[in-house]
N, C-alpha and C. Protein backbone atom coordinates (compact mmCIF):
# COMPACT_ATOMS: atom_id res chain seq x y z
N MET A 1 1.16 -0.96 0.17
CA MET A 1 0.13 0.11 -0.10
C MET A 1 0.57 0.91 0.08
N CYS A 2 0.01 2.44 -0.29
CA CYS A 2 0.91 3.48 -1.05
C CYS A 2 1.01 4.20 0.35
N ARG A 3 2.32 4.78 0.83
CA ARG A 3 1.98 5.67 2.40
C ARG A 3 2.54 6.75 2.21
N SER A 4 2.63 7.69 1.24
CA SER A 4 2.80 8.83 0.80
C SER A 4 2.12 10.13 0.90
N ARG A 5 0.93 9.64 2.33
CA ARG A 5 -0.06 10.96 1.98
C ARG A 5 0.56 12.16 2.78
N GLY A 6 -0.04 13.43 2.71
CA GLY A 6 0.59 14.55 3.01
C GLY A 6 1.19 15.38 2.39
N ARG A 7 2.07 14.54 0.61
CA ARG A 7 2.77 15.19 -0.22
C ARG A 7 2.39 16.30 -0.99
N GLU A 8 2.95 17.10 -1.04
CA GLU A 8 2.77 18.21 -2.19
C GLU A 8 2.37 17.30 -3.48
N ARG A 9 0.76 17.86 -4.01
CA ARG A 9 0.43 17.69 -5.52
C ARG A 9 1.61 18.09 -6.80
N GLY A 10 1.70 16.98 -7.61
CA GLY A 10 3.11 17.06 -7.89
C GLY A 10 2.13 17.19 -9.47
N ARG A 11 3.44 17.46 -10.52
CA ARG A 11 3.25 17.92 -11.80
C ARG A 11 1.64 18.24 -12.46
N GLY A 12 1.12 18.86 -11.71
CA GLY A 12 0.33 19.99 -12.02
C GLY A 12 -1.17 19.28 -12.09
N ARG A 13 -1.40 18.31 -11.67
CA ARG A 13 -2.65 17.19 -11.07
C ARG A 13 -3.64 18.30 -10.76
N GLY A 14 -5.22 17.89 -11.20
CA GLY A 14 -6.04 18.76 -11.09
C GLY A 14 -6.60 18.06 -10.01
N ARG A 15 -6.66 17.25 -9.18
CA ARG A 15 -7.57 16.49 -8.62
C ARG A 15 -8.01 17.28 -7.58
N GLU A 16 -7.24 17.84 -6.55
CA GLU A 16 -7.13 18.60 -5.54
C GLU A 16 -8.09 20.07 -6.09
N ARG A 17 -8.21 20.43 -7.25
CA ARG A 17 -9.24 21.59 -7.41
C ARG A 17 -10.05 21.93 -7.09
N GLY A 18 -10.87 20.84 -7.11
CA GLY A 18 -12.29 20.83 -7.36
C GLY A 18 -12.94 20.43 -6.14
N ARG A 19 -12.27 19.79 -5.14
CA ARG A 19 -12.50 19.45 -3.66
C ARG A 19 -12.17 21.06 -2.95
N ALA A 20 -13.26 20.74 -2.00
CA ALA A 20 -13.38 21.75 -0.78
C ALA A 20 -12.70 21.66 0.12
N ALA A 21 -12.00 22.18 0.54
CA ALA A 21 -10.52 22.56 1.72
C ALA A 21 -11.12 21.44 3.13
N ASP A 22 -12.38 22.07 3.66
CA ASP A 22 -12.68 21.41 5.04
C ASP A 22 -12.63 19.66 4.74
N SER A 23 -13.00 19.01 3.49
CA SER A 23 -13.22 17.89 3.80
C SER A 23 -11.66 16.70 3.32
N ALA A 24 -10.94 17.27 3.39
CA ALA A 24 -9.56 16.79 3.17
C ALA A 24 -9.48 15.85 4.62
N GLY A 25 -8.92 14.65 4.01
CA GLY A 25 -9.35 13.15 5.51
C GLY A 25 -10.59 13.12 5.64
N ALA A 26 -11.83 13.43 4.64
CA ALA A 26 -13.16 12.96 5.34
C ALA A 26 -13.19 11.65 4.56
N ASP A 27 -12.68 11.24 3.37
CA ASP A 27 -12.43 10.28 2.37
C ASP A 27 -10.67 9.63 2.53
N PRO A 28 -10.85 8.67 3.40
CA PRO A 28 -9.55 8.35 3.62
C PRO A 28 -8.61 7.26 2.58
N LEU A 29 -9.48 6.21 1.79
CA LEU A 29 -9.38 6.01 0.80
C LEU A 29 -9.66 6.19 -0.37
N ARG A 30 -10.05 7.65 -0.67
CA ARG A 30 -9.30 8.79 -1.67
C ARG A 30 -8.17 9.18 -1.76
N ASP A 31 -8.06 9.41 -0.20
CA ASP A 31 -7.16 10.36 -0.05
C ASP A 31 -5.67 9.34 -0.39
N GLU A 32 -5.64 7.84 -0.20
CA GLU A 32 -4.98 6.63 -0.08
C GLU A 32 -4.76 6.70 -1.98
N ALA A 33 -5.79 6.59 -2.38
CA ALA A 33 -5.71 6.48 -4.15
C ALA A 33 -4.97 8.21 -4.48
N ASP A 34 -5.09 8.81 -4.06
CA ASP A 34 -4.55 10.35 -4.69
C ASP A 34 -2.80 9.92 -4.55
N ALA A 35 -2.47 9.40 -3.14
CA ALA A 35 -1.25 9.72 -2.99
C ALA A 35 -0.59 8.99 -3.68
N CYS A 36 -1.17 7.39 -4.07
CA CYS A 36 -0.99 6.72 -4.41
C CYS A 36 -0.70 7.11 -6.49
N LEU A 37 -1.23 7.94 -6.95
CA LEU A 37 -1.43 8.81 -8.27
C LEU A 37 -0.54 9.34 -7.88
N ASP A 38 0.18 10.34 -6.94
CA ASP A 38 0.84 10.84 -6.99
C ASP A 38 2.50 10.79 -6.70
N GLY A 39 2.20 9.30 -6.50
CA GLY A 39 3.36 9.08 -6.39
C GLY A 39 3.76 8.32 -7.86
N LEU A 40 3.37 8.05 -8.50
CA LEU A 40 3.38 7.28 -9.56
C LEU A 40 3.81 8.27 -10.06
N ALA A 41 3.36 9.29 -10.00
CA ALA A 41 3.49 10.59 -11.17
C ALA A 41 4.53 11.29 -10.71
N GLY A 42 5.28 11.53 -9.83
CA GLY A 42 7.23 11.41 -9.12
C GLY A 42 7.88 10.29 -9.71
N VAL A 43 6.91 9.50 -9.94
CA VAL A 43 7.88 7.92 -10.41
C VAL A 43 8.40 8.60 -11.96
N GLY A 44 7.22 8.84 -12.44
CA GLY A 44 7.21 8.92 -13.94
C GLY A 44 8.04 10.46 -14.27
N GLY A 45 8.23 11.23 -13.22
CA GLY A 45 9.25 12.56 -13.23
C GLY A 45 10.26 12.02 -13.28
N LEU A 46 10.90 11.11 -12.42
CA LEU A 46 11.86 10.24 -12.38
C LEU A 46 12.47 9.44 -13.26
N GLU A 47 11.73 8.86 -13.48
CA GLU A 47 12.54 8.06 -14.91
C GLU A 47 12.48 8.66 -15.88
N ALA A 48 11.68 10.22 -16.20
CA ALA A 48 11.95 11.11 -17.13
C ALA A 48 13.69 11.73 -17.02
N MET A 49 14.11 11.73 -15.50
CA MET A 49 15.23 12.16 -15.63
C MET A 49 16.38 11.46 -15.65
N LEU A 50 16.22 9.94 -15.35
CA LEU A 50 16.94 9.43 -15.69
C LEU A 50 17.41 8.69 -16.89
N ALA A 51 16.11 9.04 -17.77
CA ALA A 51 15.78 8.70 -19.30
C ALA A 51 17.15 9.72 -19.67
N ALA A 52 16.80 11.40 -19.44
CA ALA A 52 17.92 12.14 -19.61
C ALA A 52 19.36 11.78 -19.06
N VAL A 53 19.73 11.27 -18.55
CA VAL A 53 21.00 10.65 -17.90
C VAL A 53 21.40 9.62 -18.46
N LYS A 54 21.09 8.94 -18.91
CA LYS A 54 21.28 7.69 -20.36
C LYS A 54 21.61 8.39 -21.57
N VAL A 55 20.53 9.51 -21.93
CA VAL A 55 21.15 9.95 -23.23
C VAL A 55 22.30 10.63 -23.62
N HIS A 56 22.38 11.29 -22.30
CA HIS A 56 23.88 11.78 -21.77
C HIS A 56 25.08 10.69 -22.00
N PHE A 57 24.90 9.54 -21.56
CA PHE A 57 25.89 8.63 -21.38
C PHE A 57 25.96 8.62 -22.10
N ALA A 58 25.24 7.24 -22.96
CA ALA A 58 25.09 6.91 -24.16
C ALA A 58 25.63 7.83 -24.97
N ALA A 59 25.65 9.65 -25.41
CA ALA A 59 25.87 10.35 -26.33
C ALA A 59 27.43 10.28 -25.93
N GLY A 60 27.75 10.72 -24.72
CA GLY A 60 29.28 10.73 -24.41
C GLY A 60 29.78 9.29 -25.12
N TYR A 61 29.57 8.28 -24.48
CA TYR A 61 30.04 7.12 -24.96
C TYR A 61 30.78 6.80 -26.25
N ALA A 62 29.06 7.07 -26.99
CA ALA A 62 29.65 7.36 -28.56
C ALA A 62 30.18 8.44 -28.69
N ALA A 63 30.82 9.43 -28.40
CA ALA A 63 31.84 10.80 -28.97
C ALA A 63 33.14 10.13 -28.21
N ALA A 64 33.46 9.10 -27.07
CA ALA A 64 34.53 8.85 -26.60
C ALA A 64 34.81 8.05 -27.62
N ALA A 65 34.20 7.05 -27.83
CA ALA A 65 34.56 5.42 -28.97
C ALA A 65 34.79 6.01 -30.41
N ALA A 66 34.66 7.28 -30.70
CA ALA A 66 34.39 7.21 -32.02
C ALA A 66 36.07 8.30 -31.45
N ALA A 67 36.12 9.28 -30.41
CA ALA A 67 37.57 9.95 -30.69
C ALA A 67 38.21 8.89 -30.43
N LEU A 68 38.67 7.69 -29.61
CA LEU A 68 39.27 6.65 -29.44
C LEU A 68 40.27 6.22 -30.58
N ALA A 69 38.99 5.72 -31.49
CA ALA A 69 39.38 4.93 -32.58
C ALA A 69 39.90 5.96 -34.10
N ALA A 70 40.81 5.28 -34.34
CA ALA A 70 41.49 5.69 -35.71
C ALA A 70 40.72 5.79 -36.55
N PRO A 71 41.07 6.86 -37.67
CA PRO A 71 39.91 6.97 -39.04
C PRO A 71 39.90 5.65 -39.74
N ALA A 72 38.32 5.71 -39.77
CA ALA A 72 37.82 4.03 -40.88
C ALA A 72 38.35 4.26 -42.13
N VAL A 73 39.11 3.18 -42.80
CA VAL A 73 39.85 3.15 -44.15
C VAL A 73 38.84 2.77 -44.47
N SER A 74 37.58 2.31 -44.88
CA SER A 74 36.96 1.78 -45.70
C SER A 74 35.12 1.60 -44.74
N PRO A 75 33.95 1.55 -45.39
CA PRO A 75 33.12 2.00 -44.97
C PRO A 75 32.39 0.37 -44.29
N GLN A 76 32.82 -0.62 -44.58
CA GLN A 76 33.38 -1.88 -43.53
C GLN A 76 33.63 -1.47 -42.26
N GLU A 77 34.95 -0.67 -42.57
CA GLU A 77 35.44 -0.29 -41.01
C GLU A 77 34.80 0.19 -40.27
N ARG A 78 33.87 1.29 -40.80
CA ARG A 78 33.08 1.85 -40.03
C ARG A 78 31.92 1.51 -39.54
N THR A 79 31.45 1.07 -40.48
CA THR A 79 29.90 -0.18 -39.98
C THR A 79 30.38 -1.22 -38.72
N ALA A 80 31.63 -1.90 -38.91
CA ALA A 80 31.98 -2.25 -37.27
C ALA A 80 32.46 -1.70 -36.72
N ARG A 81 32.69 -0.60 -36.89
CA ARG A 81 32.75 0.38 -35.14
C ARG A 81 31.32 0.81 -34.97
N ASP A 82 30.70 0.83 -35.33
CA ASP A 82 29.03 1.13 -34.99
C ASP A 82 28.85 0.23 -34.22
N MET A 83 28.82 -0.86 -35.15
CA MET A 83 28.09 -2.43 -34.45
C MET A 83 29.12 -2.35 -32.97
N ALA A 84 30.35 -2.40 -33.06
CA ALA A 84 30.72 -2.54 -31.89
C ALA A 84 30.29 -1.35 -30.88
N VAL A 85 30.18 -0.17 -30.85
CA VAL A 85 29.60 0.63 -30.20
C VAL A 85 28.25 0.35 -29.52
N THR A 86 27.32 0.01 -30.53
CA THR A 86 25.98 -0.68 -30.30
C THR A 86 25.76 -1.91 -29.26
N ALA A 87 26.79 -2.79 -29.92
CA ALA A 87 26.83 -3.81 -28.92
C ALA A 87 27.30 -3.52 -27.22
N GLU A 88 28.65 -2.80 -27.25
CA GLU A 88 28.89 -2.41 -25.77
C GLU A 88 27.94 -1.73 -24.97
N VAL A 89 27.08 -0.79 -25.62
CA VAL A 89 25.61 -0.21 -25.12
C VAL A 89 24.77 -1.60 -24.59
N ALA A 90 24.08 -2.39 -25.80
CA ALA A 90 23.45 -3.05 -25.58
C ALA A 90 24.08 -4.30 -24.09
N CYS A 91 25.12 -4.48 -24.31
CA CYS A 91 25.79 -5.56 -23.29
C CYS A 91 25.17 -4.59 -22.24
N VAL A 92 26.03 -3.56 -21.77
CA VAL A 92 26.00 -3.18 -20.59
C VAL A 92 24.43 -2.61 -19.61
N LEU A 93 23.39 -2.13 -20.93
CA LEU A 93 22.08 -1.71 -20.23
C LEU A 93 21.33 -3.48 -20.40
N THR A 94 21.79 -4.41 -21.09
CA THR A 94 21.29 -5.95 -20.93
C THR A 94 19.92 -5.32 -21.89
N VAL A 95 20.17 -4.99 -22.82
CA VAL A 95 18.96 -4.77 -24.20
C VAL A 95 19.27 -5.37 -25.10
N SER A 96 18.48 -5.27 -26.15
CA SER A 96 19.01 -5.72 -27.29
C SER A 96 19.47 -4.52 -28.25
N GLU A 97 20.33 -4.80 -29.70
CA GLU A 97 20.98 -4.70 -30.13
C GLU A 97 20.18 -3.11 -30.97
N ARG A 98 19.22 -3.66 -31.15
CA ARG A 98 18.02 -2.85 -31.93
C ARG A 98 17.76 -1.77 -31.09
N SER A 99 17.66 -2.17 -29.92
CA SER A 99 17.49 -1.26 -28.28
C SER A 99 18.37 -0.20 -28.63
N ALA A 100 19.72 -0.83 -28.28
CA ALA A 100 20.48 -0.28 -28.00
C ALA A 100 21.05 1.01 -29.40
N ALA A 101 21.04 0.27 -30.44
CA ALA A 101 21.22 1.64 -31.24
C ALA A 101 19.95 2.33 -31.95
N ALA A 102 18.92 2.35 -31.21
CA ALA A 102 17.71 2.99 -31.07
C ALA A 102 17.91 4.18 -30.08
N LEU A 103 18.55 3.76 -29.04
CA LEU A 103 19.15 4.28 -28.21
C LEU A 103 19.86 5.53 -28.34
N LEU A 104 21.20 5.19 -29.03
CA LEU A 104 22.26 5.68 -29.32
C LEU A 104 22.26 7.09 -30.32
N ALA A 105 21.03 6.41 -31.77
CA ALA A 105 20.55 7.86 -32.63
C ALA A 105 19.87 8.19 -31.81
N GLU A 106 18.64 8.18 -31.12
CA GLU A 106 18.30 9.08 -29.91
C GLU A 106 18.68 10.06 -29.61
N SER A 107 19.73 9.72 -28.76
CA SER A 107 20.64 10.39 -27.68
C SER A 107 22.00 11.19 -28.81
N ALA A 108 22.21 11.12 -29.74
CA ALA A 108 22.64 11.92 -30.71
C ALA A 108 21.57 12.83 -31.32
N ALA A 109 20.53 13.31 -31.66
CA ALA A 109 19.10 13.68 -32.27
C ALA A 109 19.45 14.88 -30.98
N LEU A 110 18.79 13.95 -29.65
CA LEU A 110 19.19 14.82 -28.56
C LEU A 110 19.43 16.09 -27.94
N THR A 111 20.93 15.32 -28.08
CA THR A 111 22.28 15.86 -27.58
C THR A 111 22.47 16.99 -28.34
N THR A 112 22.34 16.97 -30.02
CA THR A 112 23.06 18.09 -30.96
C THR A 112 21.85 18.93 -31.47
N GLY A 113 20.94 18.28 -31.62
CA GLY A 113 19.49 18.95 -32.61
C GLY A 113 18.41 19.51 -31.68
N LEU A 114 18.24 18.77 -29.97
CA LEU A 114 16.54 19.03 -30.00
C LEU A 114 17.13 19.23 -28.38
N PRO A 115 17.43 20.99 -27.83
CA PRO A 115 17.67 21.22 -26.85
C PRO A 115 16.58 21.62 -25.96
N LEU A 116 15.69 21.88 -26.18
CA LEU A 116 14.56 22.14 -25.83
C LEU A 116 14.17 20.49 -24.99
N THR A 117 14.16 19.84 -25.83
CA THR A 117 13.29 18.42 -25.53
C THR A 117 14.31 18.06 -24.34
N LEU A 118 16.21 17.65 -24.80
CA LEU A 118 16.69 17.63 -23.56
C LEU A 118 16.29 18.13 -22.16
N SER A 119 15.94 19.30 -22.62
CA SER A 119 16.18 19.98 -21.23
C SER A 119 14.56 19.86 -20.65
N ALA A 120 13.40 19.54 -20.98
CA ALA A 120 12.38 19.24 -20.56
C ALA A 120 12.32 17.49 -20.29
N LEU A 121 12.89 16.83 -20.92
CA LEU A 121 13.17 15.40 -20.01
C LEU A 121 13.58 15.67 -19.03
N GLY A 122 14.89 16.13 -19.26
CA GLY A 122 15.71 16.29 -17.73
C GLY A 122 15.30 16.77 -16.57
N SER A 123 14.21 17.58 -16.66
CA SER A 123 13.79 18.27 -15.97
C SER A 123 12.41 17.71 -15.72
N GLY A 124 11.87 16.55 -16.14
CA GLY A 124 11.02 15.65 -15.70
C GLY A 124 9.54 16.23 -16.29
N ARG A 125 9.82 16.99 -17.45
CA ARG A 125 8.45 17.57 -17.85
C ARG A 125 8.03 16.90 -19.12
N ILE A 126 8.87 15.97 -20.03
CA ILE A 126 7.91 15.52 -20.44
C ILE A 126 9.02 13.65 -20.08
N SER A 127 7.82 12.99 -20.89
CA SER A 127 8.77 11.22 -21.01
C SER A 127 9.63 11.31 -21.67
N TRP A 128 10.29 9.70 -21.75
CA TRP A 128 11.09 9.48 -23.14
C TRP A 128 10.07 9.24 -23.80
N GLN A 129 9.00 8.73 -23.36
CA GLN A 129 8.59 7.95 -24.72
C GLN A 129 7.67 9.79 -25.81
N HIS A 130 7.93 10.84 -24.98
CA HIS A 130 7.40 12.46 -25.86
C HIS A 130 8.89 12.76 -26.61
N ALA A 131 9.88 12.58 -25.71
CA ALA A 131 11.15 12.41 -26.71
C ALA A 131 11.88 12.12 -27.48
N ARG A 132 11.03 10.61 -27.36
CA ARG A 132 11.55 10.06 -28.78
C ARG A 132 10.76 10.17 -29.91
N ILE A 133 9.50 10.41 -29.53
CA ILE A 133 8.34 11.10 -30.17
C ILE A 133 8.51 12.93 -31.67
N MET A 134 8.88 13.35 -30.37
CA MET A 134 10.40 14.46 -30.92
C MET A 134 11.21 13.87 -32.42
N CYS A 135 11.96 13.43 -31.76
CA CYS A 135 12.83 12.61 -32.47
C CYS A 135 12.61 12.18 -33.61
N ASP A 136 11.46 11.55 -33.52
CA ASP A 136 10.98 10.78 -34.78
C ASP A 136 10.66 11.93 -35.17
N GLU A 137 10.14 12.86 -35.40
CA GLU A 137 8.70 13.91 -35.85
C GLU A 137 10.16 14.87 -36.60
N THR A 138 11.15 15.09 -35.62
CA THR A 138 12.22 16.20 -36.42
C THR A 138 13.47 15.35 -37.68
N SER A 139 13.31 14.22 -37.65
CA SER A 139 13.97 13.51 -38.05
C SER A 139 14.66 14.01 -39.39
N GLY A 140 13.50 13.72 -40.14
CA GLY A 140 13.48 14.57 -41.46
C GLY A 140 13.56 15.85 -41.98
N LEU A 141 13.76 16.80 -40.69
CA LEU A 141 13.63 18.56 -40.91
C LEU A 141 15.26 18.92 -40.85
N ASP A 142 15.03 19.94 -41.74
CA ASP A 142 16.37 20.76 -41.58
C ASP A 142 16.31 21.28 -40.02
N PRO A 143 17.57 21.62 -39.56
CA PRO A 143 17.42 22.44 -37.97
C PRO A 143 16.65 23.46 -37.60
N ALA A 144 16.56 23.79 -38.50
CA ALA A 144 15.58 25.28 -38.42
C ALA A 144 14.63 25.04 -38.30
N GLY A 145 13.89 24.24 -39.05
CA GLY A 145 12.32 23.41 -38.87
C GLY A 145 12.35 22.91 -38.24
N ALA A 146 13.03 21.83 -37.11
CA ALA A 146 13.54 20.99 -36.20
C ALA A 146 13.16 21.88 -35.19
N ALA A 147 14.27 22.86 -34.94
CA ALA A 147 14.21 24.28 -33.49
C ALA A 147 12.76 24.84 -33.92
N ALA A 148 12.21 25.07 -34.97
CA ALA A 148 10.73 25.53 -35.02
C ALA A 148 9.77 24.68 -34.04
N LEU A 149 10.20 23.54 -34.54
CA LEU A 149 8.87 22.74 -34.44
C LEU A 149 9.33 22.33 -32.79
N GLU A 150 9.90 22.64 -32.38
CA GLU A 150 10.55 21.77 -30.98
C GLU A 150 10.07 23.19 -30.43
N ALA A 151 10.23 24.20 -30.35
CA ALA A 151 9.76 25.21 -29.72
C ALA A 151 8.36 25.78 -30.06
N HIS A 152 7.61 25.16 -30.59
CA HIS A 152 6.27 25.19 -30.94
C HIS A 152 5.57 24.56 -29.77
N PHE A 153 6.38 22.95 -29.41
CA PHE A 153 5.66 22.41 -28.21
C PHE A 153 6.73 22.38 -27.06
N LEU A 154 7.27 22.97 -26.72
CA LEU A 154 7.82 22.71 -25.52
C LEU A 154 8.66 24.62 -24.94
N ASP A 155 9.19 25.09 -25.49
CA ASP A 155 9.13 27.01 -25.26
C ASP A 155 7.57 27.54 -24.93
N PRO A 156 7.49 27.65 -23.78
CA PRO A 156 6.67 28.72 -23.47
C PRO A 156 6.64 29.80 -23.83
N GLY A 157 7.87 31.00 -24.57
CA GLY A 157 7.16 31.91 -24.97
C GLY A 157 7.05 32.00 -26.65
N ALA A 158 6.81 30.90 -26.83
CA ALA A 158 6.82 30.62 -28.53
C ALA A 158 5.45 30.83 -28.62
N PRO A 159 5.14 31.56 -29.71
CA PRO A 159 3.74 31.56 -30.31
C PRO A 159 2.72 30.47 -30.45
N PHE A 160 1.65 30.49 -29.97
CA PHE A 160 1.18 29.23 -30.38
C PHE A 160 1.63 27.76 -29.54
N CYS A 161 2.53 28.28 -28.36
CA CYS A 161 2.59 27.23 -27.89
C CYS A 161 1.45 26.07 -27.16
N CYS A 162 1.76 24.75 -27.34
CA CYS A 162 0.58 24.21 -26.62
C CYS A 162 0.58 23.87 -25.03
N ALA A 163 -0.43 24.16 -24.67
CA ALA A 163 -0.59 24.16 -23.02
C ALA A 163 -0.59 22.31 -22.85
N TRP A 164 -0.20 21.48 -23.39
CA TRP A 164 -0.32 20.26 -22.52
C TRP A 164 0.49 19.97 -21.70
N LEU A 165 1.62 20.28 -21.81
CA LEU A 165 2.71 19.68 -20.89
C LEU A 165 2.33 20.27 -19.19
N PRO A 166 2.67 19.12 -18.25
CA PRO A 166 1.84 19.48 -16.94
C PRO A 166 2.09 20.61 -16.59
N GLY A 167 1.55 21.55 -15.78
CA GLY A 167 2.18 22.55 -15.16
C GLY A 167 2.16 23.72 -15.65
N ARG A 168 1.18 23.39 -17.32
CA ARG A 168 1.47 24.69 -18.05
C ARG A 168 0.29 24.53 -18.62
N GLY A 169 -1.37 25.08 -18.14
CA GLY A 169 -2.37 24.92 -18.84
C GLY A 169 -3.35 23.80 -17.89
N ALA A 170 -4.12 23.30 -18.51
CA ALA A 170 -4.88 22.09 -17.82
C ALA A 170 -4.41 21.30 -17.68
N GLY A 171 -4.70 20.89 -15.78
CA GLY A 171 -4.17 19.74 -15.29
C GLY A 171 -5.04 18.71 -15.66
N ALA A 172 -4.80 17.36 -15.23
CA ALA A 172 -5.68 15.85 -15.79
C ALA A 172 -6.67 16.31 -14.79
N GLY A 173 -7.84 15.91 -15.55
CA GLY A 173 -9.23 15.98 -15.14
C GLY A 173 -9.37 17.20 -15.53
N GLN A 174 -9.22 18.46 -16.33
CA GLN A 174 -9.53 19.10 -16.32
C GLN A 174 -9.97 19.65 -18.04
N VAL A 175 -10.23 20.51 -18.34
CA VAL A 175 -10.87 21.09 -19.95
C VAL A 175 -9.75 22.03 -20.02
N PRO A 176 -8.75 22.23 -20.98
CA PRO A 176 -8.29 23.44 -21.77
C PRO A 176 -9.01 24.26 -21.69
N GLY A 177 -8.42 25.74 -21.12
CA GLY A 177 -8.94 26.97 -21.34
C GLY A 177 -10.19 27.16 -20.74
N GLN A 178 -10.64 26.36 -19.94
CA GLN A 178 -11.56 26.21 -18.25
C GLN A 178 -11.26 25.59 -17.43
N GLY A 179 -11.91 26.08 -16.00
CA GLY A 179 -11.79 25.76 -14.99
C GLY A 179 -12.39 24.50 -14.17
N ALA A 180 -13.39 24.40 -15.24
CA ALA A 180 -13.86 22.76 -14.60
C ALA A 180 -13.52 21.72 -14.81
N GLN A 181 -13.87 20.73 -13.73
CA GLN A 181 -13.11 19.85 -13.64
C GLN A 181 -13.87 18.65 -14.09
N LEU A 182 -13.86 17.58 -15.05
CA LEU A 182 -14.34 16.58 -15.71
C LEU A 182 -14.52 15.90 -14.86
N ALA A 183 -15.65 14.85 -14.81
CA ALA A 183 -16.01 13.98 -13.70
C ALA A 183 -15.81 12.66 -13.86
């Protein structure tokens, strides 16, 4: 059972906004459920922060391995080196080489071309899945287009920025642009 009562409401949750202040503690089962959801939200934020750390380490290892190696003399040698880096990452993380290759590619994209996404991931504002989708959506764009798309969704100062991020706009269970709580 979850025993994290009394914690601050996390990640822009709107569950408490509709409740009267005097009803706090009147429904211990609801309080327990809310505490468990808040705990899960906190874990989600921590997972996102750890994903950002993993991105930094994966990109750092790939860069260090490239710097340590002599220049490749053939495309086959270059492919073999890339496969070796992927295999090392897969082994250390105990994941498949396909998953490791995806992590390395997404880490390179995040560290070189998507600073707002990496920052949001590191602060726990977006999940790893959101960051992966941003990598996918910007993969075919030039740097200016990728920066514009990233700013549209993640830069609070950008015009037409979406309010879907926790803590900016409507919280869970609320209608965007209104203070009404959903039933």
